[in-house]
Amino acid sequence: MEQTFKMGFYLSQRLVLQITLGIFFLLLNLQMLSITGWMTLEDEFQQKSIDTIKGYHVGSLLFVLFFLARSGIWLPKLPRYVYHFCIWVILSSLALYVVYGFNSMIINYLFAFYCLIIGGLIGSQLTKEEVVSVFRKVSLLVFAIIAVKLFYYQEEVVRFLKAPIGHPNIETLFGGGVNLEATWVAFHLGFFVKNRKLLFYLLVLFSLGLSILYASRVGVILSLLVFLLRFMSAIPSKVERRYLVTGIGILFLLVLVSVDLGKVSQQIYGLKRFADFGSSQDAGMSGRKAMWEHFPAAMAQSHYLGYGAGNAMLGLENVSGIDFSEQNVHNYYLQVLLEFGLLGLPLYLVIVFQLLRRIHWAKLADPLAIILLCYFISSLIQFRGAESMIWLYMGIFFMQYHYKPDTFSVNSSVSIA
């Protein structure tokens, strides 16, 4: 009787943790939701959102209550080098702020590291299947909200399709505008790689359509990348691969023979941005090139120590005399080097390398492996750092792949009792 009671209590704890994770993950997706209401694009561009308490900040407190109620659970047993990077980011930024001024980005990093700890605790107490199931259900809800949102903004969608310039003026769930919303939607495809094939392919089409509508090149690339990584993984059968190769080959030949690709690329603005890539008409790339050209001078001016979290653009503007419209370097690895110096980048690259090892162990058959790999690749062209959702994934993935799969046990690190 006592054993049955303990088992029931243990299962109820796991259910509560899954529900808590689901609520928190939903709030992480509703990034523009603050305790005072919905943030607008104008608010974010004026950087008001940085100093605003968001819904996910409040939601994260659920884990404090959850874990304080349990004995013997403190910091998760994440690898030491992960904590080394966290400590360096905090200490180096506080020291550099004395010289270059305070930037509230350090608060974002502190919260991201808190999400890392939450991820570590979740990864030690829930199985991979339980975690992915929660993420998958919330992702479907997010996709549905975005679809309804497009219907609500149908007038702006029609206007943009008739006279496309830049990106459509649509309020987003995610911070950073429509380009980053398309990016996160593409990342979320990773949760469905093991699902029914039809659902996965339909969601890929949804993500591609959304990215083209948003004129997001990176969204298109990441949607196709998730599709490709699933194809390369151990998930699809030989029959499915054969059908995919045959179907894509036939479709490619039909398009090549019957469609004027040059004309289509000029008529569909989302595709036109690919055709304009690197040309004088590509305003985005011209701004990034200007930043990257001044990168060596900015590093030298900081004596290779960096400028502190969030001050990368300040360093570039100081040496160039240009008031850049960009809010980040559009290459997170360069940004880590510029903000945290010659020691900061190697510390971060150790984390990346160790995660890539675990992604290799997973043989791309784990949804989080695919998402993290896509993040590391797309970090070459975007992201400002301290993405709370990614650090949550990192904490989970480190704990669930603490050892190689042949010696790995999901719940071996920390007991819930």
Protein backbone atom coordinates (compact mmCIF):
# COMPACT_ATOMS: atom_id res chain seq x y z
CA MET A 1 0.00 0.00 0.00
CA GLU A 2 2.80 2.39 0.98
CA GLN A 3 4.71 1.52 -2.21
CA THR A 4 1.60 2.24 -4.30
CA PHE A 5 1.15 5.60 -2.57
CA LYS A 6 4.79 6.54 -3.21
CA MET A 7 4.48 5.57 -6.86
CA GLY A 8 1.29 7.62 -7.25
CA PHE A 9 2.91 10.62 -5.56
CA TYR A 10 5.99 10.26 -7.79
CA LEU A 11 3.87 10.19 -10.95
CA SER A 12 1.85 13.20 -9.81
CA GLN A 13 5.10 15.13 -9.27
CA ARG A 14 6.18 14.34 -12.82
CA LEU A 15 2.80 15.46 -14.16
CA VAL A 16 3.02 18.75 -12.25
CA LEU A 17 6.52 19.32 -13.63
CA GLN A 18 5.32 18.67 -17.19
CA ILE A 19 2.42 21.11 -16.77
CA THR A 20 4.78 23.70 -15.29
CA LEU A 21 7.18 23.23 -18.20
CA GLY A 22 4.31 23.59 -20.68
CA ILE A 23 3.15 26.88 -19.14
CA PHE A 24 6.69 28.26 -19.04
CA PHE A 25 7.46 27.19 -22.61
CA LEU A 26 4.27 28.82 -23.87
CA LEU A 27 5.23 32.07 -22.12
CA LEU A 28 8.72 31.85 -23.65
CA ASN A 29 7.04 31.76 -27.05
CA LEU A 30 4.86 34.75 -26.16
CA GLN A 31 7.97 36.89 -25.84
CA MET A 32 6.17 40.20 -26.39
CA LEU A 33 3.75 39.61 -23.53
CA SER A 34 4.67 41.76 -20.52
CA ILE A 35 2.95 42.15 -17.18
CA THR A 36 1.56 45.48 -18.44
CA GLY A 37 0.19 44.08 -21.70
CA TRP A 38 1.32 43.25 -25.20
CA MET A 39 4.50 44.99 -26.37
CA THR A 40 4.42 46.56 -29.85
CA LEU A 41 7.16 46.64 -32.46
CA GLU A 42 7.63 50.33 -31.70
CA ASP A 43 8.16 49.57 -28.01
CA GLU A 44 10.81 47.00 -28.86
CA PHE A 45 12.66 49.19 -31.34
CA GLN A 46 12.80 51.90 -28.67
CA GLN A 47 14.28 49.23 -26.38
CA LYS A 48 11.48 49.60 -23.85
CA SER A 49 10.96 45.85 -23.86
CA ILE A 50 14.46 45.23 -22.47
CA ASP A 51 13.50 46.88 -19.18
CA THR A 52 10.02 45.35 -19.02
CA ILE A 53 9.06 42.38 -16.90
CA LYS A 54 7.74 39.74 -19.29
CA GLY A 55 5.24 36.99 -18.75
CA TYR A 56 7.95 34.33 -18.96
CA HIS A 57 9.92 36.05 -16.18
CA VAL A 58 6.93 35.60 -13.89
CA GLY A 59 6.29 32.08 -15.20
CA SER A 60 9.84 31.03 -14.36
CA LEU A 61 9.06 31.56 -10.67
CA LEU A 62 6.90 28.43 -10.82
CA PHE A 63 10.10 26.40 -10.92
CA VAL A 64 11.46 28.12 -7.82
CA LEU A 65 8.39 27.02 -5.88
CA PHE A 66 8.50 23.56 -7.43
CA PHE A 67 12.14 22.82 -6.66
CA LEU A 68 12.31 24.48 -3.25
CA ALA A 69 9.58 22.06 -2.16
CA ARG A 70 11.92 19.14 -2.82
CA SER A 71 14.91 18.22 -0.71
CA GLY A 72 18.38 17.56 -2.03
CA ILE A 73 17.98 19.39 -5.34
CA TRP A 74 20.21 22.38 -5.97
CA LEU A 75 22.29 23.15 -9.03
CA PRO A 76 22.05 20.45 -11.72
CA LYS A 77 25.22 18.51 -12.48
CA LEU A 78 25.99 20.31 -15.70
CA PRO A 79 29.58 20.19 -17.02
CA ARG A 80 31.91 22.64 -15.29
CA TYR A 81 32.85 24.41 -18.52
CA VAL A 82 29.23 25.56 -18.87
CA TYR A 83 29.42 27.33 -15.52
CA HIS A 84 32.86 28.72 -16.44
CA PHE A 85 31.34 30.60 -19.39
CA CYS A 86 28.44 31.86 -17.26
CA ILE A 87 30.79 33.16 -14.57
CA TRP A 88 33.07 34.83 -17.13
CA VAL A 89 30.17 36.59 -18.84
CA ILE A 90 28.96 38.02 -15.54
CA LEU A 91 32.32 39.02 -14.03
CA SER A 92 33.89 40.38 -17.24
CA SER A 93 30.77 42.40 -18.07
CA LEU A 94 30.60 43.97 -14.62
CA ALA A 95 34.27 44.97 -14.90
CA LEU A 96 33.95 46.31 -18.46
CA TYR A 97 30.81 48.29 -17.62
CA VAL A 98 33.01 50.51 -15.44
CA VAL A 99 34.78 51.63 -18.65
CA TYR A 100 32.07 51.43 -21.33
CA GLY A 101 28.86 51.87 -19.36
CA PHE A 102 26.13 49.55 -18.15
CA ASN A 103 23.93 47.63 -20.58
CA SER A 104 20.78 45.84 -19.44
CA MET A 105 21.69 42.91 -21.72
CA ILE A 106 23.47 41.42 -18.70
CA ILE A 107 20.01 40.91 -17.16
CA ASN A 108 19.03 38.88 -20.23
CA TYR A 109 22.14 36.73 -19.76
CA LEU A 110 21.36 36.19 -16.09
CA PHE A 111 17.87 35.01 -16.98
CA ALA A 112 19.23 32.81 -19.79
CA PHE A 113 21.60 31.14 -17.31
CA TYR A 114 18.66 30.65 -14.96
CA CYS A 115 16.86 28.91 -17.86
CA LEU A 116 19.96 26.73 -18.29
CA ILE A 117 19.59 25.62 -14.67
CA ILE A 118 15.86 25.01 -15.16
CA GLY A 119 16.71 22.92 -18.23
CA GLY A 120 19.26 20.92 -16.26
CA LEU A 121 16.75 20.15 -13.54
CA ILE A 122 14.07 19.20 -16.08
CA GLY A 123 16.49 17.04 -18.06
CA SER A 124 17.41 15.11 -14.92
CA GLN A 125 13.81 14.38 -13.93
CA LEU A 126 11.81 13.92 -17.14
CA THR A 127 12.49 11.54 -20.00
CA LYS A 128 13.27 12.79 -23.50
CA GLU A 129 9.84 11.63 -24.66
CA GLU A 130 8.05 13.54 -21.89
CA VAL A 131 9.96 16.76 -22.59
CA VAL A 132 9.48 16.63 -26.36
CA SER A 133 5.79 15.80 -25.94
CA VAL A 134 5.29 19.00 -23.92
CA PHE A 135 7.25 21.10 -26.43
CA ARG A 136 5.35 19.57 -29.34
CA LYS A 137 1.91 20.35 -27.91
CA VAL A 138 2.85 23.95 -27.11
CA SER A 139 4.43 24.39 -30.56
CA LEU A 140 1.18 23.33 -32.23
CA LEU A 141 -0.66 25.94 -30.17
CA VAL A 142 1.90 28.58 -31.19
CA PHE A 143 1.51 27.66 -34.88
CA ALA A 144 -2.27 28.00 -34.51
CA ILE A 145 -1.94 31.42 -32.85
CA ILE A 146 0.33 32.63 -35.66
CA ALA A 147 -2.14 31.37 -38.28
CA VAL A 148 -5.00 33.23 -36.56
CA LYS A 149 -2.78 36.31 -36.28
CA LEU A 150 -2.18 36.28 -40.04
CA PHE A 151 -5.93 36.22 -40.61
CA TYR A 152 -6.32 39.17 -38.21
CA TYR A 153 -3.67 41.13 -40.16
CA GLN A 154 -5.00 40.11 -43.56
CA GLU A 155 -5.23 43.73 -44.74
CA GLU A 156 -1.53 44.28 -44.02
CA VAL A 157 -0.71 40.94 -45.66
CA VAL A 158 -2.57 41.95 -48.83
CA ARG A 159 -0.94 45.40 -48.80
CA PHE A 160 2.53 43.89 -48.43
CA LEU A 161 1.94 41.39 -51.22
CA LYS A 162 0.91 44.23 -53.53
CA ALA A 163 3.77 46.58 -52.57
CA PRO A 164 6.47 44.58 -50.79
CA ILE A 165 9.27 46.57 -49.17
CA GLY A 166 11.35 45.19 -46.31
CA HIS A 167 9.07 43.07 -44.15
CA PRO A 168 5.31 43.21 -43.44
CA ASN A 169 4.28 45.41 -40.51
CA ILE A 170 2.74 42.67 -38.38
CA GLU A 171 2.92 42.38 -34.60
CA THR A 172 4.75 39.23 -33.55
CA LEU A 173 4.74 36.73 -30.72
CA PHE A 174 8.54 36.70 -30.68
CA GLY A 175 10.88 39.60 -30.07
CA GLY A 176 12.94 40.89 -32.99
CA GLY A 177 10.17 41.18 -35.57
CA VAL A 178 8.86 38.87 -38.28
CA ASN A 179 12.32 37.63 -39.31
CA LEU A 180 12.98 36.09 -35.90
CA GLU A 181 9.40 34.81 -35.66
CA ALA A 182 9.99 32.86 -38.88
CA THR A 183 13.26 31.60 -37.37
CA TRP A 184 11.65 30.26 -34.20
CA VAL A 185 8.83 28.63 -36.16
CA ALA A 186 11.45 26.84 -38.27
CA PHE A 187 13.26 25.71 -35.10
CA HIS A 188 10.00 24.33 -33.68
CA LEU A 189 9.72 22.01 -36.70
CA GLY A 190 12.41 19.96 -34.99
CA PHE A 191 9.91 18.76 -32.38
CA PHE A 192 7.92 16.98 -35.11
CA VAL A 193 10.69 15.07 -36.89
CA LYS A 194 9.57 11.83 -35.20
CA ASN A 195 5.87 12.54 -35.67
CA ARG A 196 3.59 11.25 -38.39
CA LYS A 197 5.21 12.07 -41.71
CA LEU A 198 2.19 13.91 -43.09
CA LEU A 199 2.03 16.29 -40.11
CA PHE A 200 5.75 17.05 -40.34
CA TYR A 201 5.61 17.80 -44.07
CA LEU A 202 2.51 19.98 -43.66
CA LEU A 203 4.25 21.98 -40.93
CA VAL A 204 7.34 22.37 -43.14
CA LEU A 205 5.10 23.84 -45.84
CA PHE A 206 3.50 26.15 -43.24
CA SER A 207 6.93 27.32 -42.09
CA LEU A 208 8.14 27.86 -45.66
CA GLY A 209 4.99 29.78 -46.58
CA LEU A 210 5.27 31.94 -43.46
CA SER A 211 8.94 32.69 -44.17
CA ILE A 212 8.23 33.67 -47.78
CA LEU A 213 5.32 35.86 -46.67
CA TYR A 214 7.56 37.49 -44.04
CA ALA A 215 10.35 37.86 -46.66
CA SER A 216 12.64 36.00 -44.25
CA ARG A 217 15.56 34.37 -46.02
CA VAL A 218 16.86 32.75 -42.87
CA GLY A 219 13.39 31.32 -42.14
CA VAL A 220 13.31 29.64 -45.56
CA ILE A 221 16.85 28.30 -45.13
CA LEU A 222 16.18 26.92 -41.64
CA SER A 223 12.89 25.29 -42.68
CA LEU A 224 14.73 23.49 -45.47
CA LEU A 225 17.63 22.70 -43.14
CA VAL A 226 15.35 20.97 -40.61
CA PHE A 227 13.83 19.00 -43.49
CA LEU A 228 17.32 18.04 -44.73
CA LEU A 229 18.62 17.07 -41.27
CA ARG A 230 15.63 14.81 -40.72
CA PHE A 231 16.29 13.22 -44.11
CA MET A 232 19.94 12.64 -43.12
CA SER A 233 19.03 11.23 -39.69
CA ALA A 234 18.14 7.67 -38.73
CA ILE A 235 14.43 8.59 -38.57
CA PRO A 236 13.09 8.08 -42.13
CA SER A 237 12.96 4.57 -43.58
CA LYS A 238 14.66 3.61 -46.84
CA VAL A 239 11.27 3.58 -48.56
CA GLU A 240 10.47 7.10 -47.34
CA ARG A 241 13.88 8.34 -48.50
CA ARG A 242 13.35 6.77 -51.91
CA TYR A 243 9.94 8.41 -52.30
CA LEU A 244 11.31 11.78 -51.17
CA VAL A 245 14.25 11.72 -53.57
CA THR A 246 12.02 10.63 -56.45
CA GLY A 247 9.29 13.17 -55.68
CA ILE A 248 11.69 16.08 -55.19
CA GLY A 249 13.59 15.12 -58.34
CA ILE A 250 10.42 15.04 -60.46
CA LEU A 251 9.21 18.34 -58.95
CA PHE A 252 12.58 19.98 -59.64
CA LEU A 253 12.56 18.86 -63.28
CA LEU A 254 8.97 20.06 -63.77
CA VAL A 255 9.81 23.46 -62.30
CA LEU A 256 13.00 23.70 -64.34
CA VAL A 257 11.18 22.92 -67.59
CA SER A 258 7.90 24.80 -67.12
CA VAL A 259 8.72 27.81 -64.91
CA ASP A 260 10.75 30.93 -65.66
CA LEU A 261 12.67 31.04 -62.37
CA GLY A 262 14.04 34.52 -63.01
CA LYS A 263 10.57 35.94 -63.59
CA VAL A 264 9.08 34.15 -60.58
CA SER A 265 11.88 35.35 -58.29
CA GLN A 266 11.14 38.93 -59.29
CA GLN A 267 7.38 38.56 -58.75
CA ILE A 268 7.56 36.86 -55.34
CA TYR A 269 9.31 39.28 -52.99
CA GLY A 270 10.36 36.61 -50.52
CA LEU A 271 12.26 34.85 -53.33
CA LYS A 272 13.49 38.14 -54.81
CA ARG A 273 15.45 38.75 -51.62
CA PHE A 274 17.43 35.59 -52.39
CA ALA A 275 18.07 36.81 -55.94
CA ASP A 276 19.30 40.16 -54.56
CA PHE A 277 21.60 38.54 -52.00
CA GLY A 278 24.96 40.31 -51.92
CA SER A 279 23.97 42.86 -54.57
CA SER A 280 23.75 46.63 -54.16
CA GLN A 281 19.99 46.21 -53.60
CA ASP A 282 20.59 44.06 -50.53
CA ALA A 283 20.51 46.74 -47.82
CA GLY A 284 20.79 44.18 -45.03
CA MET A 285 24.08 42.72 -46.24
CA SER A 286 25.62 46.13 -46.95
CA GLY A 287 25.04 47.16 -43.33
CA ARG A 288 26.52 43.92 -42.02
CA LYS A 289 29.59 44.22 -44.23
CA ALA A 290 30.21 47.71 -42.85
CA MET A 291 30.07 46.34 -39.30
CA TRP A 292 32.34 43.40 -40.00
CA GLU A 293 34.93 45.62 -41.70
CA HIS A 294 35.36 47.61 -38.48
CA PHE A 295 35.48 44.51 -36.27
CA PRO A 296 39.33 44.24 -36.03
CA ALA A 297 39.64 47.92 -35.08
CA ALA A 298 36.93 47.55 -32.43
CA MET A 299 38.69 44.54 -30.92
CA ALA A 300 42.01 46.39 -30.84
CA GLN A 301 40.42 49.41 -29.16
CA SER A 302 39.13 47.18 -26.35
CA HIS A 303 42.64 45.71 -25.95
CA TYR A 304 41.01 42.38 -26.88
CA LEU A 305 39.19 42.29 -23.54
CA GLY A 306 35.76 43.06 -25.01
CA TYR A 307 33.12 45.64 -24.15
CA GLY A 308 30.76 43.68 -21.90
CA ALA A 309 27.39 42.07 -22.58
CA GLY A 310 25.29 44.14 -24.99
CA ASN A 311 28.02 46.67 -25.85
CA ALA A 312 29.28 45.15 -29.12
CA MET A 313 27.51 47.75 -31.26
CA LEU A 314 28.86 50.52 -29.03
CA GLY A 315 32.40 49.35 -29.78
CA LEU A 316 31.76 49.22 -33.53
CA GLU A 317 30.13 52.65 -33.56
CA ASN A 318 33.00 54.18 -31.57
CA VAL A 319 35.67 53.12 -34.07
CA SER A 320 33.63 53.64 -37.24
CA GLY A 321 31.76 56.82 -36.39
CA ILE A 322 28.66 55.22 -37.95
CA ASP A 323 25.31 55.08 -36.18
CA PHE A 324 24.34 51.55 -37.21
CA SER A 325 20.65 50.68 -37.43
CA GLU A 326 21.44 47.07 -36.50
CA GLN A 327 21.10 46.06 -32.86
CA ASN A 328 23.57 43.17 -33.03
CA VAL A 329 26.59 42.07 -35.06
CA HIS A 330 24.61 39.44 -37.03
CA ASN A 331 27.25 36.86 -36.18
CA TYR A 332 26.96 35.65 -32.61
CA TYR A 333 30.48 34.19 -32.52
CA LEU A 334 31.97 37.56 -33.47
CA GLN A 335 29.65 39.19 -30.96
CA VAL A 336 30.87 36.92 -28.15
CA LEU A 337 34.45 37.84 -29.07
CA LEU A 338 33.62 41.55 -29.15
CA GLU A 339 31.69 41.53 -25.88
CA PHE A 340 33.63 39.01 -23.78
CA GLY A 341 37.11 39.18 -25.29
CA LEU A 342 39.71 36.61 -26.29
CA LEU A 343 38.84 34.40 -23.32
CA GLY A 344 35.08 34.59 -23.75
CA LEU A 345 34.93 33.08 -27.24
CA PRO A 346 36.97 29.92 -26.44
CA LEU A 347 34.83 29.34 -23.36
CA TYR A 348 31.69 29.53 -25.49
CA LEU A 349 33.17 27.38 -28.26
CA VAL A 350 33.91 24.64 -25.72
CA ILE A 351 30.17 24.52 -24.97
CA VAL A 352 29.36 24.45 -28.70
CA PHE A 353 31.91 21.69 -29.37
CA GLN A 354 30.67 19.52 -26.50
CA LEU A 355 27.07 19.94 -27.62
CA LEU A 356 28.08 19.02 -31.18
CA ARG A 357 29.65 15.82 -29.78
CA ARG A 358 26.35 14.95 -28.14
CA ILE A 359 24.45 15.83 -31.31
CA HIS A 360 26.71 13.31 -33.07
CA TRP A 361 25.89 10.73 -30.38
CA ALA A 362 22.19 11.34 -31.00
CA LYS A 363 22.68 10.74 -34.76
CA LEU A 364 20.29 13.64 -35.43
CA ALA A 365 17.43 11.45 -34.18
CA ASP A 366 16.74 13.74 -31.22
CA PRO A 367 14.58 16.85 -31.82
CA LEU A 368 16.73 19.01 -29.54
CA ALA A 369 19.85 17.87 -31.41
CA ILE A 370 18.40 19.17 -34.69
CA ILE A 371 17.25 22.46 -33.14
CA LEU A 372 20.58 23.16 -31.43
CA LEU A 373 22.51 22.36 -34.61
CA CYS A 374 20.28 24.76 -36.55
CA TYR A 375 20.90 27.42 -33.90
CA PHE A 376 24.67 27.07 -34.08
CA ILE A 377 24.55 27.36 -37.88
CA SER A 378 22.15 30.31 -37.96
CA SER A 379 24.22 32.08 -35.29
CA LEU A 380 26.64 32.86 -38.10
CA ILE A 381 24.16 35.41 -39.48
CA GLN A 382 21.88 36.47 -36.61
CA PHE A 383 20.99 36.41 -32.88
CA ARG A 384 22.17 38.80 -30.20
CA GLY A 385 22.78 36.13 -27.55
CA ALA A 386 21.09 35.21 -24.26
CA GLU A 387 18.24 33.41 -26.06
CA SER A 388 16.47 31.94 -23.04
CA MET A 389 14.77 29.18 -25.02
CA ILE A 390 18.09 27.95 -26.42
CA TRP A 391 19.75 27.90 -23.00
CA LEU A 392 16.77 25.94 -21.69
CA TYR A 393 17.33 23.41 -24.49
CA MET A 394 21.06 23.28 -23.70
CA GLY A 395 20.42 22.44 -20.06
CA ILE A 396 18.01 19.66 -20.98
CA PHE A 397 20.27 18.25 -23.69
CA PHE A 398 23.39 18.24 -21.51
CA MET A 399 21.60 16.31 -18.77
CA GLN A 400 19.92 13.82 -21.10
CA TYR A 401 23.17 13.14 -22.95
CA HIS A 402 25.49 13.30 -19.97
CA TYR A 403 26.99 10.02 -21.16
CA LYS A 404 27.16 8.24 -24.49
CA PRO A 405 23.86 6.47 -25.33
CA ASP A 406 25.18 2.97 -24.56
CA THR A 407 25.88 3.93 -20.92
CA PHE A 408 23.21 6.60 -20.60
CA SER A 409 20.26 6.53 -18.23
CA VAL A 410 17.79 9.40 -18.40
CA ASN A 411 17.13 9.82 -14.71
CA SER A 412 20.50 8.70 -13.35
CA SER A 413 21.79 12.14 -12.34
CA VAL A 414 19.30 13.36 -9.76
CA SER A 415 16.58 11.60 -7.87
CA ILE A 416 13.21 13.27 -7.57
CA ALA A 417 12.53 11.76 -4.19
